[in-house]
Amino acid sequence: MTYLLPGLWAAPGATAGEPSRPVRRLARWLGRARATGDSGAAPGWEAALAERLGYRPQGEGARTWLAQPVQLTPGMKDLVASAVEPVADAEREALWAAAQPELEAAGATLGLGEDGLWELQLDAEGEASGPPPSVGLGRSMVAPSLQGDVARRLQVLATGLQMAWFQHPVNLEREREGRGAVHGLWLWTPGFAGGASDVRRVCGGGAIGRWLARGAGIDWCPDPACTPAESDDTVVVVDALGGPPSPERRLELLESVADDVVAPGVRGVFRGELRALEFVDPQSTHPVLRLDRRQALAFWRRPRRP
């Protein structure tokens, strides 16, 4: 069983006060686990999950992008994209109607997925995907690569959408009401589904977790704690730690992770129902940790405090 825990290894001092008993137990389990390799750069938990579900970046043909509506805030030398409050159906339809000429010019279509997420469909060859929302939103945007046909088409589309929605009546009304205007779309694609994967179930991850699981034809459960203890072929996603919670809230989240999510898996390891637990923080360069029954009994290991 794999635990994707973005934000598990926070900066020192991010957790308030002395760790509670559940957090100390979690630290002991992490301390007994064996480092199996570097987690690499920080691709975001969405990309880490997509990789485990068999998505592959290269290929050609129809591809689906997650198209998240965002507000763009200019800085001195950068631009920051931020998620906006929910967009009502009438607002969405008006924005999409204004964007139709730009979409047709790019050979793309916008649709509403089963999960309520905006999806952009584009038939193209090559790789062109920026960072996923958990990595890119709220941070300075990097200049996109313009190498390849699909990258250039998406850049032209993004510019056209900003112009079509600038001073749009929907945005003017949203601004009057104190809601963020929809200036553009944050486009991210996991690539093409269908690659080899040992995963048969995803637990947690919210709407994006469900979107990725559905695209790969894999079962999904909304609750990270809903997985049976014998599910060796499961990926559990807890993305709540990935944001910037207060130290007190972070402590509460770690307690829930320890008691509700990890503890049942540890019991499964002790009983021989699970081969091992794997702990991955895709937002950190901390090594991937693997805890099997032998390591779980290694009481001499030093705790690793999350």
C-alpha atoms as a PDB file:
ATOM      1  CA  MET A   1       0.000   0.000   0.000  1.00  0.00           C
ATOM      2  CA  THR A   2       1.320   3.440  -0.935  1.00  0.00           C
ATOM      3  CA  TYR A   3       0.595   6.614   1.021  1.00  0.00           C
ATOM      4  CA  LEU A   4       0.945   9.851  -0.952  1.00  0.00           C
ATOM      5  CA  LEU A   5       1.307  12.485   1.773  1.00  0.00           C
ATOM      6  CA  PRO A   6       2.234  15.849   0.215  1.00  0.00           C
ATOM      7  CA  GLY A   7       3.507  18.174   2.913  1.00  0.00           C
ATOM      8  CA  LEU A   8       4.408  15.372   5.338  1.00  0.00           C
ATOM      9  CA  TRP A   9       7.950  16.704   5.740  1.00  0.00           C
ATOM     10  CA  ALA A  10       7.276  20.327   6.575  1.00  0.00           C
ATOM     11  CA  ALA A  11       9.806  22.958   7.562  1.00  0.00           C
ATOM     12  CA  PRO A  12      11.035  22.770  11.167  1.00  0.00           C
ATOM     13  CA  GLY A  13       8.656  24.462  13.561  1.00  0.00           C
ATOM     14  CA  ALA A  14       5.629  24.017  11.318  1.00  0.00           C
ATOM     15  CA  THR A  15       3.915  21.909  13.989  1.00  0.00           C
ATOM     16  CA  ALA A  16       2.983  23.637  17.234  1.00  0.00           C
ATOM     17  CA  GLY A  17       4.123  22.436  20.636  1.00  0.00           C
ATOM     18  CA  GLU A  18       5.011  18.931  21.688  1.00  0.00           C
ATOM     19  CA  PRO A  19       3.781  16.126  19.431  1.00  0.00           C
ATOM     20  CA  SER A  20       0.752  14.229  20.681  1.00  0.00           C
ATOM     21  CA  ARG A  21       0.720  10.479  21.215  1.00  0.00           C
ATOM     22  CA  PRO A  22      -0.635   9.689  17.708  1.00  0.00           C
ATOM     23  CA  VAL A  23       2.035  11.893  16.103  1.00  0.00           C
ATOM     24  CA  ARG A  24       4.766  10.230  18.194  1.00  0.00           C
ATOM     25  CA  ARG A  25       3.531   6.823  16.999  1.00  0.00           C
ATOM     26  CA  LEU A  26       3.601   8.050  13.398  1.00  0.00           C
ATOM     27  CA  ALA A  27       7.172   9.285  13.953  1.00  0.00           C
ATOM     28  CA  ARG A  28       8.194   5.843  15.271  1.00  0.00           C
ATOM     29  CA  TRP A  29       6.699   4.072  12.259  1.00  0.00           C
ATOM     30  CA  LEU A  30       8.462   6.471   9.898  1.00  0.00           C
ATOM     31  CA  GLY A  31      11.693   6.028  11.845  1.00  0.00           C
ATOM     32  CA  ARG A  32      11.579   2.253  11.492  1.00  0.00           C
ATOM     33  CA  ALA A  33      10.901   2.437   7.761  1.00  0.00           C
ATOM     34  CA  ARG A  34      13.758   1.941   5.322  1.00  0.00           C
ATOM     35  CA  ALA A  35      14.717   4.573   2.763  1.00  0.00           C
ATOM     36  CA  THR A  36      14.323   3.049  -0.699  1.00  0.00           C
ATOM     37  CA  GLY A  37      15.184   5.944  -2.966  1.00  0.00           C
ATOM     38  CA  ASP A  38      14.879   9.645  -3.564  1.00  0.00           C
ATOM     39  CA  SER A  39      11.391  10.978  -4.234  1.00  0.00           C
ATOM     40  CA  GLY A  40      12.982  13.289  -6.803  1.00  0.00           C
ATOM     41  CA  ALA A  41      11.816  16.763  -7.679  1.00  0.00           C
ATOM     42  CA  ALA A  42       8.468  18.047  -6.477  1.00  0.00           C
ATOM     43  CA  PRO A  43       6.014  17.247  -9.276  1.00  0.00           C
ATOM     44  CA  GLY A  44       2.922  17.563  -7.123  1.00  0.00           C
ATOM     45  CA  TRP A  45       0.840  14.719  -5.794  1.00  0.00           C
ATOM     46  CA  GLU A  46      -1.353  14.707  -8.915  1.00  0.00           C
ATOM     47  CA  ALA A  47       1.626  13.863 -11.142  1.00  0.00           C
ATOM     48  CA  ALA A  48       2.919  11.314  -8.623  1.00  0.00           C
ATOM     49  CA  LEU A  49      -0.488   9.596  -8.568  1.00  0.00           C
ATOM     50  CA  ALA A  50      -0.808   9.701 -12.367  1.00  0.00           C
ATOM     51  CA  GLU A  51       2.572   8.007 -12.732  1.00  0.00           C
ATOM     52  CA  ARG A  52       1.487   5.193 -10.420  1.00  0.00           C
ATOM     53  CA  LEU A  53      -1.792   4.782 -12.318  1.00  0.00           C
ATOM     54  CA  GLY A  54       0.006   4.146 -15.598  1.00  0.00           C
ATOM     55  CA  TYR A  55      -0.346   7.513 -17.321  1.00  0.00           C
ATOM     56  CA  ARG A  56       2.467   8.251 -19.762  1.00  0.00           C
ATOM     57  CA  PRO A  57       3.440  11.746 -20.978  1.00  0.00           C
ATOM     58  CA  GLN A  58       4.455  10.968 -24.544  1.00  0.00           C
ATOM     59  CA  GLY A  59       2.157   9.985 -27.389  1.00  0.00           C
ATOM     60  CA  GLU A  60      -0.287  11.355 -29.912  1.00  0.00           C
ATOM     61  CA  GLY A  61      -4.031  11.548 -30.348  1.00  0.00           C
ATOM     62  CA  ALA A  62      -6.878  12.910 -28.240  1.00  0.00           C
ATOM     63  CA  ARG A  63      -5.738  14.062 -24.831  1.00  0.00           C
ATOM     64  CA  THR A  64      -7.587  15.551 -21.872  1.00  0.00           C
ATOM     65  CA  TRP A  65      -6.369  18.508 -19.845  1.00  0.00           C
ATOM     66  CA  LEU A  66      -7.686  19.500 -16.461  1.00  0.00           C
ATOM     67  CA  ALA A  67      -8.831  23.087 -17.093  1.00  0.00           C
ATOM     68  CA  GLN A  68      -9.140  24.847 -13.762  1.00  0.00           C
ATOM     69  CA  PRO A  69     -10.563  28.398 -13.861  1.00  0.00           C
ATOM     70  CA  VAL A  70      -8.144  30.834 -12.239  1.00  0.00           C
ATOM     71  CA  GLN A  71      -7.702  34.474 -11.390  1.00  0.00           C
ATOM     72  CA  LEU A  72      -4.443  36.049 -12.568  1.00  0.00           C
ATOM     73  CA  THR A  73      -2.740  38.601 -10.339  1.00  0.00           C
ATOM     74  CA  PRO A  74       0.232  40.531 -11.787  1.00  0.00           C
ATOM     75  CA  GLY A  75       3.240  41.255  -9.612  1.00  0.00           C
ATOM     76  CA  MET A  76       6.326  43.344 -10.190  1.00  0.00           C
ATOM     77  CA  LYS A  77       8.020  40.728 -12.347  1.00  0.00           C
ATOM     78  CA  ASP A  78       5.683  37.749 -12.306  1.00  0.00           C
ATOM     79  CA  LEU A  79       2.116  36.531 -12.576  1.00  0.00           C
ATOM     80  CA  VAL A  80       0.304  34.446  -9.982  1.00  0.00           C
ATOM     81  CA  ALA A  81      -2.652  32.159 -10.763  1.00  0.00           C
ATOM     82  CA  SER A  82      -5.109  31.509  -7.940  1.00  0.00           C
ATOM     83  CA  ALA A  83      -8.120  29.224  -7.758  1.00  0.00           C
ATOM     84  CA  VAL A  84     -11.473  31.026  -7.778  1.00  0.00           C
ATOM     85  CA  GLU A  85     -14.724  30.379  -5.974  1.00  0.00           C
ATOM     86  CA  PRO A  86     -17.126  27.952  -7.706  1.00  0.00           C
ATOM     87  CA  VAL A  87     -18.417  29.110 -11.072  1.00  0.00           C
ATOM     88  CA  ALA A  88     -22.180  28.761 -11.464  1.00  0.00           C
ATOM     89  CA  ASP A  89     -23.567  26.973 -14.526  1.00  0.00           C
ATOM     90  CA  ALA A  90     -24.941  30.189 -16.033  1.00  0.00           C
ATOM     91  CA  GLU A  91     -21.584  31.919 -15.561  1.00  0.00           C
ATOM     92  CA  ARG A  92     -19.739  28.959 -17.051  1.00  0.00           C
ATOM     93  CA  GLU A  93     -21.986  28.860 -20.122  1.00  0.00           C
ATOM     94  CA  ALA A  94     -21.520  32.595 -20.747  1.00  0.00           C
ATOM     95  CA  LEU A  95     -17.726  32.368 -20.411  1.00  0.00           C
ATOM     96  CA  TRP A  96     -17.531  29.321 -22.645  1.00  0.00           C
ATOM     97  CA  ALA A  97     -19.672  31.021 -25.304  1.00  0.00           C
ATOM     98  CA  ALA A  98     -17.285  33.989 -25.362  1.00  0.00           C
ATOM     99  CA  ALA A  99     -14.315  31.599 -25.637  1.00  0.00           C
ATOM    100  CA  GLN A 100     -15.734  29.531 -28.481  1.00  0.00           C
ATOM    101  CA  PRO A 101     -13.881  31.315 -31.339  1.00  0.00           C
ATOM    102  CA  GLU A 102     -10.559  30.860 -29.524  1.00  0.00           C
ATOM    103  CA  LEU A 103     -11.289  27.194 -28.854  1.00  0.00           C
ATOM    104  CA  GLU A 104     -12.216  26.545 -32.468  1.00  0.00           C
ATOM    105  CA  ALA A 105      -9.036  28.252 -33.687  1.00  0.00           C
ATOM    106  CA  ALA A 106      -6.974  25.974 -31.418  1.00  0.00           C
ATOM    107  CA  GLY A 107      -8.918  22.841 -32.395  1.00  0.00           C
ATOM    108  CA  ALA A 108      -9.954  22.356 -28.759  1.00  0.00           C
ATOM    109  CA  THR A 109     -13.219  21.835 -26.906  1.00  0.00           C
ATOM    110  CA  LEU A 110     -14.238  22.560 -23.322  1.00  0.00           C
ATOM    111  CA  GLY A 111     -16.505  20.175 -21.455  1.00  0.00           C
ATOM    112  CA  LEU A 112     -17.755  19.412 -17.977  1.00  0.00           C
ATOM    113  CA  GLY A 113     -16.560  16.087 -16.600  1.00  0.00           C
ATOM    114  CA  GLU A 114     -18.489  13.682 -14.417  1.00  0.00           C
ATOM    115  CA  ASP A 115     -16.605  15.040 -11.418  1.00  0.00           C
ATOM    116  CA  GLY A 116     -17.713  18.616 -12.065  1.00  0.00           C
ATOM    117  CA  LEU A 117     -14.236  19.553 -13.302  1.00  0.00           C
ATOM    118  CA  TRP A 118     -13.638  21.524 -16.475  1.00  0.00           C
ATOM    119  CA  GLU A 119     -11.920  19.449 -19.149  1.00  0.00           C
ATOM    120  CA  LEU A 120     -10.203  20.591 -22.325  1.00  0.00           C
ATOM    121  CA  GLN A 121      -9.938  18.099 -25.177  1.00  0.00           C
ATOM    122  CA  LEU A 122      -7.220  18.523 -27.778  1.00  0.00           C
ATOM    123  CA  ASP A 123      -5.903  16.174 -30.434  1.00  0.00           C
ATOM    124  CA  ALA A 124      -2.169  16.786 -30.517  1.00  0.00           C
ATOM    125  CA  GLU A 125       1.257  15.206 -30.588  1.00  0.00           C
ATOM    126  CA  GLY A 126       4.088  15.782 -28.141  1.00  0.00           C
ATOM    127  CA  GLU A 127       4.366  16.743 -24.488  1.00  0.00           C
ATOM    128  CA  ALA A 128       3.104  20.049 -23.143  1.00  0.00           C
ATOM    129  CA  SER A 129       2.058  20.048 -19.533  1.00  0.00           C
ATOM    130  CA  GLY A 130       2.976  22.540 -16.866  1.00  0.00           C
ATOM    131  CA  PRO A 131       2.953  21.802 -13.153  1.00  0.00           C
ATOM    132  CA  PRO A 132      -0.231  20.428 -11.611  1.00  0.00           C
ATOM    133  CA  PRO A 133      -2.466  22.685  -9.485  1.00  0.00           C
ATOM    134  CA  SER A 134      -0.964  21.695  -6.131  1.00  0.00           C
ATOM    135  CA  VAL A 135       2.456  22.932  -7.288  1.00  0.00           C
ATOM    136  CA  GLY A 136       1.574  25.846  -9.555  1.00  0.00           C
ATOM    137  CA  LEU A 137      -1.413  27.657  -8.052  1.00  0.00           C
ATOM    138  CA  GLY A 138      -0.601  30.475  -5.671  1.00  0.00           C
ATOM    139  CA  ARG A 139       3.021  30.687  -6.810  1.00  0.00           C
ATOM    140  CA  SER A 140       4.849  32.705  -9.420  1.00  0.00           C
ATOM    141  CA  MET A 141       4.132  31.301 -12.863  1.00  0.00           C
ATOM    142  CA  VAL A 142       7.081  30.165 -14.943  1.00  0.00           C
ATOM    143  CA  ALA A 143       7.285  30.963 -18.635  1.00  0.00           C
ATOM    144  CA  PRO A 144       5.911  27.973 -20.577  1.00  0.00           C
ATOM    145  CA  SER A 145       7.994  26.163 -23.140  1.00  0.00           C
ATOM    146  CA  LEU A 146       7.009  26.984 -26.721  1.00  0.00           C
ATOM    147  CA  GLN A 147       8.757  23.986 -28.244  1.00  0.00           C
ATOM    148  CA  GLY A 148       6.392  21.831 -30.275  1.00  0.00           C
ATOM    149  CA  ASP A 149       3.065  22.367 -31.973  1.00  0.00           C
ATOM    150  CA  VAL A 150       0.859  21.548 -29.003  1.00  0.00           C
ATOM    151  CA  ALA A 151       2.763  23.910 -26.676  1.00  0.00           C
ATOM    152  CA  ARG A 152       2.422  26.820 -29.098  1.00  0.00           C
ATOM    153  CA  ARG A 153      -1.284  26.120 -29.665  1.00  0.00           C
ATOM    154  CA  LEU A 154      -1.963  26.067 -25.941  1.00  0.00           C
ATOM    155  CA  GLN A 155      -0.037  29.315 -25.405  1.00  0.00           C
ATOM    156  CA  VAL A 156      -2.035  31.051 -28.152  1.00  0.00           C
ATOM    157  CA  LEU A 157      -5.248  29.649 -26.643  1.00  0.00           C
ATOM    158  CA  ALA A 158      -4.335  30.873 -23.150  1.00  0.00           C
ATOM    159  CA  THR A 159      -3.673  34.384 -24.453  1.00  0.00           C
ATOM    160  CA  GLY A 160      -6.915  34.376 -26.449  1.00  0.00           C
ATOM    161  CA  LEU A 161      -8.962  33.288 -23.438  1.00  0.00           C
ATOM    162  CA  GLN A 162      -7.538  36.085 -21.302  1.00  0.00           C
ATOM    163  CA  MET A 163      -8.526  38.612 -23.963  1.00  0.00           C
ATOM    164  CA  ALA A 164     -12.008  37.096 -24.437  1.00  0.00           C
ATOM    165  CA  TRP A 165     -12.733  37.145 -20.702  1.00  0.00           C
ATOM    166  CA  PHE A 166     -11.180  40.532 -19.930  1.00  0.00           C
ATOM    167  CA  GLN A 167     -13.985  42.830 -18.740  1.00  0.00           C
ATOM    168  CA  HIS A 168     -16.550  40.104 -19.461  1.00  0.00           C
ATOM    169  CA  PRO A 169     -19.924  40.849 -17.773  1.00  0.00           C
ATOM    170  CA  VAL A 170     -19.618  37.658 -15.724  1.00  0.00           C
ATOM    171  CA  ASN A 171     -16.278  38.782 -14.342  1.00  0.00           C
ATOM    172  CA  LEU A 172     -17.458  42.324 -13.686  1.00  0.00           C
ATOM    173  CA  GLU A 173     -20.370  40.939 -11.661  1.00  0.00           C
ATOM    174  CA  ARG A 174     -18.133  38.525  -9.765  1.00  0.00           C
ATOM    175  CA  GLU A 175     -15.767  41.364  -8.872  1.00  0.00           C
ATOM    176  CA  ARG A 176     -18.671  43.525  -7.658  1.00  0.00           C
ATOM    177  CA  GLU A 177     -19.712  40.663  -5.384  1.00  0.00           C
ATOM    178  CA  GLY A 178     -16.173  40.214  -4.060  1.00  0.00           C
ATOM    179  CA  ARG A 179     -15.581  36.927  -5.895  1.00  0.00           C
ATOM    180  CA  GLY A 180     -12.510  36.255  -7.963  1.00  0.00           C
ATOM    181  CA  ALA A 181     -12.810  36.905 -11.685  1.00  0.00           C
ATOM    182  CA  VAL A 182     -12.075  34.105 -14.146  1.00  0.00           C
ATOM    183  CA  HIS A 183      -9.140  35.425 -16.168  1.00  0.00           C
ATOM    184  CA  GLY A 184      -7.952  32.147 -17.671  1.00  0.00           C
ATOM    185  CA  LEU A 185      -7.478  28.411 -17.302  1.00  0.00           C
ATOM    186  CA  TRP A 186      -4.794  26.460 -15.496  1.00  0.00           C
ATOM    187  CA  LEU A 187      -4.148  23.583 -17.893  1.00  0.00           C
ATOM    188  CA  TRP A 188      -2.544  20.363 -16.722  1.00  0.00           C
ATOM    189  CA  THR A 189      -2.646  16.901 -18.241  1.00  0.00           C
ATOM    190  CA  PRO A 190      -1.475  13.610 -16.735  1.00  0.00           C
ATOM    191  CA  GLY A 191      -0.822  12.348 -20.258  1.00  0.00           C
ATOM    192  CA  PHE A 192      -2.228   9.230 -21.854  1.00  0.00           C
ATOM    193  CA  ALA A 193      -3.818   6.479 -19.760  1.00  0.00           C
ATOM    194  CA  GLY A 194      -3.294   2.785 -20.365  1.00  0.00           C
ATOM    195  CA  GLY A 195       0.246   2.127 -19.209  1.00  0.00           C
ATOM    196  CA  ALA A 196       1.247  -0.691 -16.894  1.00  0.00           C
ATOM    197  CA  SER A 197       0.149  -0.281 -13.289  1.00  0.00           C
ATOM    198  CA  ASP A 198      -0.219  -2.510 -10.239  1.00  0.00           C
ATOM    199  CA  VAL A 199      -2.728  -0.136  -8.638  1.00  0.00           C
ATOM    200  CA  ARG A 200      -6.334  -1.296  -8.453  1.00  0.00           C
ATOM    201  CA  ARG A 201      -7.802   1.329  -6.127  1.00  0.00           C
ATOM    202  CA  VAL A 202      -7.326   4.968  -5.166  1.00  0.00           C
ATOM    203  CA  CYS A 203      -8.546   6.348  -1.849  1.00  0.00           C
ATOM    204  CA  GLY A 204      -8.780  10.109  -1.301  1.00  0.00           C
ATOM    205  CA  GLY A 205      -7.489  12.937  -3.446  1.00  0.00           C
ATOM    206  CA  GLY A 206     -10.848  14.675  -3.851  1.00  0.00           C
ATOM    207  CA  ALA A 207     -12.278  15.463  -7.258  1.00  0.00           C
ATOM    208  CA  ILE A 208      -8.875  15.352  -8.976  1.00  0.00           C
ATOM    209  CA  GLY A 209      -8.092  11.967  -7.423  1.00  0.00           C
ATOM    210  CA  ARG A 210     -11.388  10.660  -8.722  1.00  0.00           C
ATOM    211  CA  TRP A 211     -10.742  12.231 -12.145  1.00  0.00           C
ATOM    212  CA  LEU A 212      -7.380  10.503 -12.455  1.00  0.00           C
ATOM    213  CA  ALA A 213      -8.719   7.159 -11.233  1.00  0.00           C
ATOM    214  CA  ARG A 214     -11.696   7.304 -13.598  1.00  0.00           C
ATOM    215  CA  GLY A 215      -9.459   8.138 -16.559  1.00  0.00           C
ATOM    216  CA  ALA A 216      -7.307   5.096 -15.789  1.00  0.00           C
ATOM    217  CA  GLY A 217     -10.316   2.804 -15.239  1.00  0.00           C
ATOM    218  CA  ILE A 218      -9.471   2.282 -11.557  1.00  0.00           C
ATOM    219  CA  ASP A 219     -11.819   2.157  -8.556  1.00  0.00           C
ATOM    220  CA  TRP A 220     -11.953   5.228  -6.334  1.00  0.00           C
ATOM    221  CA  CYS A 221     -13.072   5.841  -2.765  1.00  0.00           C
ATOM    222  CA  PRO A 222     -13.477   9.378  -1.391  1.00  0.00           C
ATOM    223  CA  ASP A 223     -12.218   8.621   2.113  1.00  0.00           C
ATOM    224  CA  PRO A 224      -8.477   7.987   2.609  1.00  0.00           C
ATOM    225  CA  ALA A 225      -9.408   5.787   5.580  1.00  0.00           C
ATOM    226  CA  CYS A 226     -11.855   3.595   3.665  1.00  0.00           C
ATOM    227  CA  THR A 227      -9.314   1.147   2.256  1.00  0.00           C
ATOM    228  CA  PRO A 228      -9.389  -2.444   3.553  1.00  0.00           C
ATOM    229  CA  ALA A 229      -6.294  -3.500   5.473  1.00  0.00           C
ATOM    230  CA  GLU A 230      -5.503  -6.238   2.938  1.00  0.00           C
ATOM    231  CA  SER A 231      -5.318  -3.868  -0.059  1.00  0.00           C
ATOM    232  CA  ASP A 232      -1.712  -4.150  -1.213  1.00  0.00           C
ATOM    233  CA  ASP A 233      -2.660  -2.644  -4.584  1.00  0.00           C
ATOM    234  CA  THR A 234      -4.033   0.637  -3.196  1.00  0.00           C
ATOM    235  CA  VAL A 235      -2.761   4.216  -3.286  1.00  0.00           C
ATOM    236  CA  VAL A 236      -3.995   6.430  -0.443  1.00  0.00           C
ATOM    237  CA  VAL A 237      -3.857  10.195  -0.996  1.00  0.00           C
ATOM    238  CA  VAL A 238      -4.012  12.721   1.856  1.00  0.00           C
ATOM    239  CA  ASP A 239      -3.586  16.124   0.250  1.00  0.00           C
ATOM    240  CA  ALA A 240      -4.726  18.268   3.189  1.00  0.00           C
ATOM    241  CA  LEU A 241      -1.153  18.634   4.478  1.00  0.00           C
ATOM    242  CA  GLY A 242      -0.033  20.070   1.147  1.00  0.00           C
ATOM    243  CA  GLY A 243      -1.481  23.510   1.856  1.00  0.00           C
ATOM    244  CA  PRO A 244      -0.175  25.990   4.416  1.00  0.00           C
ATOM    245  CA  PRO A 245      -2.253  25.057   7.492  1.00  0.00           C
ATOM    246  CA  SER A 246      -1.620  26.715  10.831  1.00  0.00           C
ATOM    247  CA  PRO A 247       0.638  24.778  13.219  1.00  0.00           C
ATOM    248  CA  GLU A 248      -2.391  23.813  15.306  1.00  0.00           C
ATOM    249  CA  ARG A 249      -4.343  22.606  12.278  1.00  0.00           C
ATOM    250  CA  ARG A 250      -1.307  20.709  11.006  1.00  0.00           C
ATOM    251  CA  LEU A 251      -1.081  18.855  14.323  1.00  0.00           C
ATOM    252  CA  GLU A 252      -4.757  17.883  14.053  1.00  0.00           C
ATOM    253  CA  LEU A 253      -4.219  16.620  10.506  1.00  0.00           C
ATOM    254  CA  LEU A 254      -1.171  14.563  11.501  1.00  0.00           C
ATOM    255  CA  GLU A 255      -3.161  12.982  14.339  1.00  0.00           C
ATOM    256  CA  SER A 256      -5.890  11.991  11.874  1.00  0.00           C
ATOM    257  CA  VAL A 257      -3.313  10.621   9.427  1.00  0.00           C
ATOM    258  CA  ALA A 258      -1.761   8.539  12.208  1.00  0.00           C
ATOM    259  CA  ASP A 259      -4.965   7.173  13.760  1.00  0.00           C
ATOM    260  CA  ASP A 260      -7.378   6.920  10.828  1.00  0.00           C
ATOM    261  CA  VAL A 261      -5.152   6.329   7.803  1.00  0.00           C
ATOM    262  CA  VAL A 262      -1.804   4.779   8.728  1.00  0.00           C
ATOM    263  CA  ALA A 263      -2.639   2.779  11.866  1.00  0.00           C
ATOM    264  CA  PRO A 264      -4.933   0.279  10.049  1.00  0.00           C
ATOM    265  CA  GLY A 265      -2.177  -0.312   7.499  1.00  0.00           C
ATOM    266  CA  VAL A 266       0.410  -0.922  10.218  1.00  0.00           C
ATOM    267  CA  ARG A 267      -1.903  -3.470  11.815  1.00  0.00           C
ATOM    268  CA  GLY A 268      -2.238  -5.125   8.406  1.00  0.00           C
ATOM    269  CA  VAL A 269       1.551  -5.355   8.156  1.00  0.00           C
ATOM    270  CA  PHE A 270       1.812  -6.917  11.623  1.00  0.00           C
ATOM    271  CA  ARG A 271      -0.873  -9.499  10.746  1.00  0.00           C
ATOM    272  CA  GLY A 272       0.746 -10.350   7.438  1.00  0.00           C
ATOM    273  CA  GLU A 273      -2.188  -9.014   5.390  1.00  0.00           C
ATOM    274  CA  LEU A 274       0.023  -6.386   3.743  1.00  0.00           C
ATOM    275  CA  ARG A 275       3.521  -6.836   2.380  1.00  0.00           C
ATOM    276  CA  ALA A 276       4.621  -3.296   3.174  1.00  0.00           C
ATOM    277  CA  LEU A 277       3.644   0.344   3.480  1.00  0.00           C
ATOM    278  CA  GLU A 278       5.278   2.992   1.329  1.00  0.00           C
ATOM    279  CA  PHE A 279       5.380   6.645   2.413  1.00  0.00           C
ATOM    280  CA  VAL A 280       5.904   9.285  -0.283  1.00  0.00           C
ATOM    281  CA  ASP A 281       5.924  13.060   0.038  1.00  0.00           C
ATOM    282  CA  PRO A 282       5.940  14.283  -3.588  1.00  0.00           C
ATOM    283  CA  GLN A 283       6.542  17.859  -2.410  1.00  0.00           C
ATOM    284  CA  SER A 284       9.821  16.947  -0.733  1.00  0.00           C
ATOM    285  CA  THR A 285      13.187  15.525  -1.705  1.00  0.00           C
ATOM    286  CA  HIS A 286      12.994  13.295   1.368  1.00  0.00           C
ATOM    287  CA  PRO A 287      13.535   9.623   0.451  1.00  0.00           C
ATOM    288  CA  VAL A 288      10.638   7.257  -0.108  1.00  0.00           C
ATOM    289  CA  LEU A 289      10.197   5.139   3.027  1.00  0.00           C
ATOM    290  CA  ARG A 290       9.142   1.488   3.037  1.00  0.00           C
ATOM    291  CA  LEU A 291       7.891  -0.246   6.175  1.00  0.00           C
ATOM    292  CA  ASP A 292       7.493  -4.033   6.159  1.00  0.00           C
ATOM    293  CA  ARG A 293       6.972  -6.391   9.109  1.00  0.00           C
ATOM    294  CA  ARG A 294      10.665  -6.734   9.768  1.00  0.00           C
ATOM    295  CA  GLN A 295      11.204  -2.976   9.935  1.00  0.00           C
ATOM    296  CA  ALA A 296       8.012  -2.502  11.966  1.00  0.00           C
ATOM    297  CA  LEU A 297       9.554  -4.616  14.732  1.00  0.00           C
ATOM    298  CA  ALA A 298      12.884  -2.745  14.669  1.00  0.00           C
ATOM    299  CA  PHE A 299      12.398  -0.834  17.888  1.00  0.00           C
ATOM    300  CA  TRP A 300      15.970   0.505  17.860  1.00  0.00           C
ATOM    301  CA  ARG A 301      15.229   2.881  14.980  1.00  0.00           C
ATOM    302  CA  ARG A 302      15.201   6.605  15.739  1.00  0.00           C
ATOM    303  CA  PRO A 303      11.852   8.363  15.153  1.00  0.00           C
ATOM    304  CA  ARG A 304      11.430  10.663  12.156  1.00  0.00           C
ATOM    305  CA  ARG A 305       9.142  13.465  13.213  1.00  0.00           C
ATOM    306  CA  PRO A 306       6.938  14.725  10.357  1.00  0.00           C
END
